[in-house]
Protein backbone atom coordinates (compact mmCIF):
# COMPACT_ATOMS: atom_id res chain seq x y z
CA MET A 1 14.72 4.24 -4.10
CA LYS A 2 17.71 6.13 -5.25
CA PRO A 3 19.58 7.88 -2.42
CA ARG A 4 18.98 11.31 -3.98
CA VAL A 5 15.20 10.77 -3.87
CA VAL A 6 15.33 9.76 -0.19
CA ALA A 7 17.50 12.82 0.52
CA ALA A 8 15.03 15.06 -1.32
CA VAL A 9 12.09 13.78 0.77
CA ARG A 10 14.09 14.27 3.99
CA ALA A 11 15.04 17.81 2.94
CA SER A 12 11.37 18.59 2.17
CA LYS A 13 12.14 19.17 -1.51
CA ILE A 14 9.56 16.49 -2.19
CA PRO A 15 6.52 16.80 0.11
CA ARG A 16 6.08 14.10 2.76
CA ALA A 17 2.45 14.02 1.63
CA THR A 18 3.82 11.91 -1.20
CA LEU A 19 4.01 9.06 1.33
CA GLU A 20 0.33 9.58 2.18
CA ILE A 21 -0.53 9.42 -1.52
CA ALA A 22 1.33 6.11 -1.72
CA GLY A 23 -0.92 4.84 1.08
CA ILE A 24 -4.05 5.93 -0.74
CA ALA A 25 -2.81 4.18 -3.88
CA GLY A 26 -2.32 1.02 -1.83
CA ILE A 27 -5.91 1.17 -0.57
CA ALA A 28 -7.19 1.61 -4.13
CA ALA A 29 -5.07 -1.35 -5.24
CA ALA A 30 -6.47 -3.62 -2.52
CA LYS A 31 -10.02 -2.76 -3.55
CA ARG A 32 -9.33 -3.74 -7.19
CA THR A 33 -7.31 -6.93 -6.62
CA ALA A 34 -9.92 -9.23 -8.18
CA GLU A 35 -9.72 -7.22 -11.42
CA TRP A 36 -5.96 -7.71 -11.72
CA ILE A 37 -5.29 -11.27 -10.56
CA PRO A 38 -6.88 -14.12 -12.51
CA LEU A 39 -9.05 -16.51 -10.47
CA CYS A 40 -9.03 -14.15 -7.48
CA HIS A 41 -12.57 -13.46 -6.33
CA SER A 42 -13.80 -10.19 -4.89
CA SER A 43 -13.94 -10.07 -1.09
CA PRO A 44 -15.97 -7.63 1.03
CA LEU A 45 -13.15 -5.72 2.69
CA THR A 46 -13.90 -4.11 6.04
CA ARG A 47 -10.57 -2.44 6.74
CA ILE A 48 -7.45 -1.51 4.79
CA ASP A 49 -4.45 0.12 6.45
CA VAL A 50 -1.41 1.03 4.38
CA THR A 51 1.65 2.71 5.83
CA ALA A 52 4.56 4.26 3.99
CA THR A 53 7.42 5.18 6.31
CA LEU A 54 10.65 6.87 5.32
CA CYS A 55 13.61 4.76 6.43
CA GLU A 56 17.36 4.86 5.88
CA ASN A 57 17.38 3.17 2.47
CA GLY A 58 14.04 4.27 1.08
CA VAL A 59 10.42 3.75 2.04
CA GLU A 60 9.11 0.85 4.09
CA LEU A 61 5.61 -0.21 3.06
CA GLY A 62 3.23 -2.12 5.28
CA SER A 63 -0.36 -3.17 4.84
CA THR A 64 -3.14 -4.82 6.81
CA VAL A 65 -6.37 -5.93 5.18
CA MET A 66 -9.41 -7.32 7.01
CA ALA A 67 -12.65 -8.84 5.74
CA THR A 68 -15.70 -10.59 7.13
CA ALA A 69 -15.58 -13.16 4.31
CA GLN A 70 -14.91 -16.86 4.91
CA THR A 71 -11.79 -16.70 2.76
CA GLY A 72 -8.53 -14.91 3.41
CA VAL A 73 -7.42 -11.62 1.95
CA GLU A 74 -3.76 -12.48 1.35
CA MET A 75 -3.79 -11.33 -2.26
CA GLU A 76 -5.36 -7.99 -1.34
CA THR A 77 -2.71 -7.47 1.31
CA LEU A 78 0.11 -8.27 -1.12
CA VAL A 79 -1.30 -5.98 -3.81
CA SER A 80 -1.86 -3.07 -1.42
CA GLY A 81 1.61 -3.07 0.09
């Protein structure tokens, strides 16, 4: 992020809810991973956590995805975060 955007979020010129919206977008992305990545099958996801935290140089994104499937959900985690 450009420093002026980070400064605007810190100064509340841009609502912090913007970070929550980024998290919601990450959840939506994880749910649609199979549509976007060739040869990636759909997995029944049981939990998706996405965090967007304001840090010194921008926003730090983190994601955790869980499923009860026999395969991993690495691609969903990468797409969501």
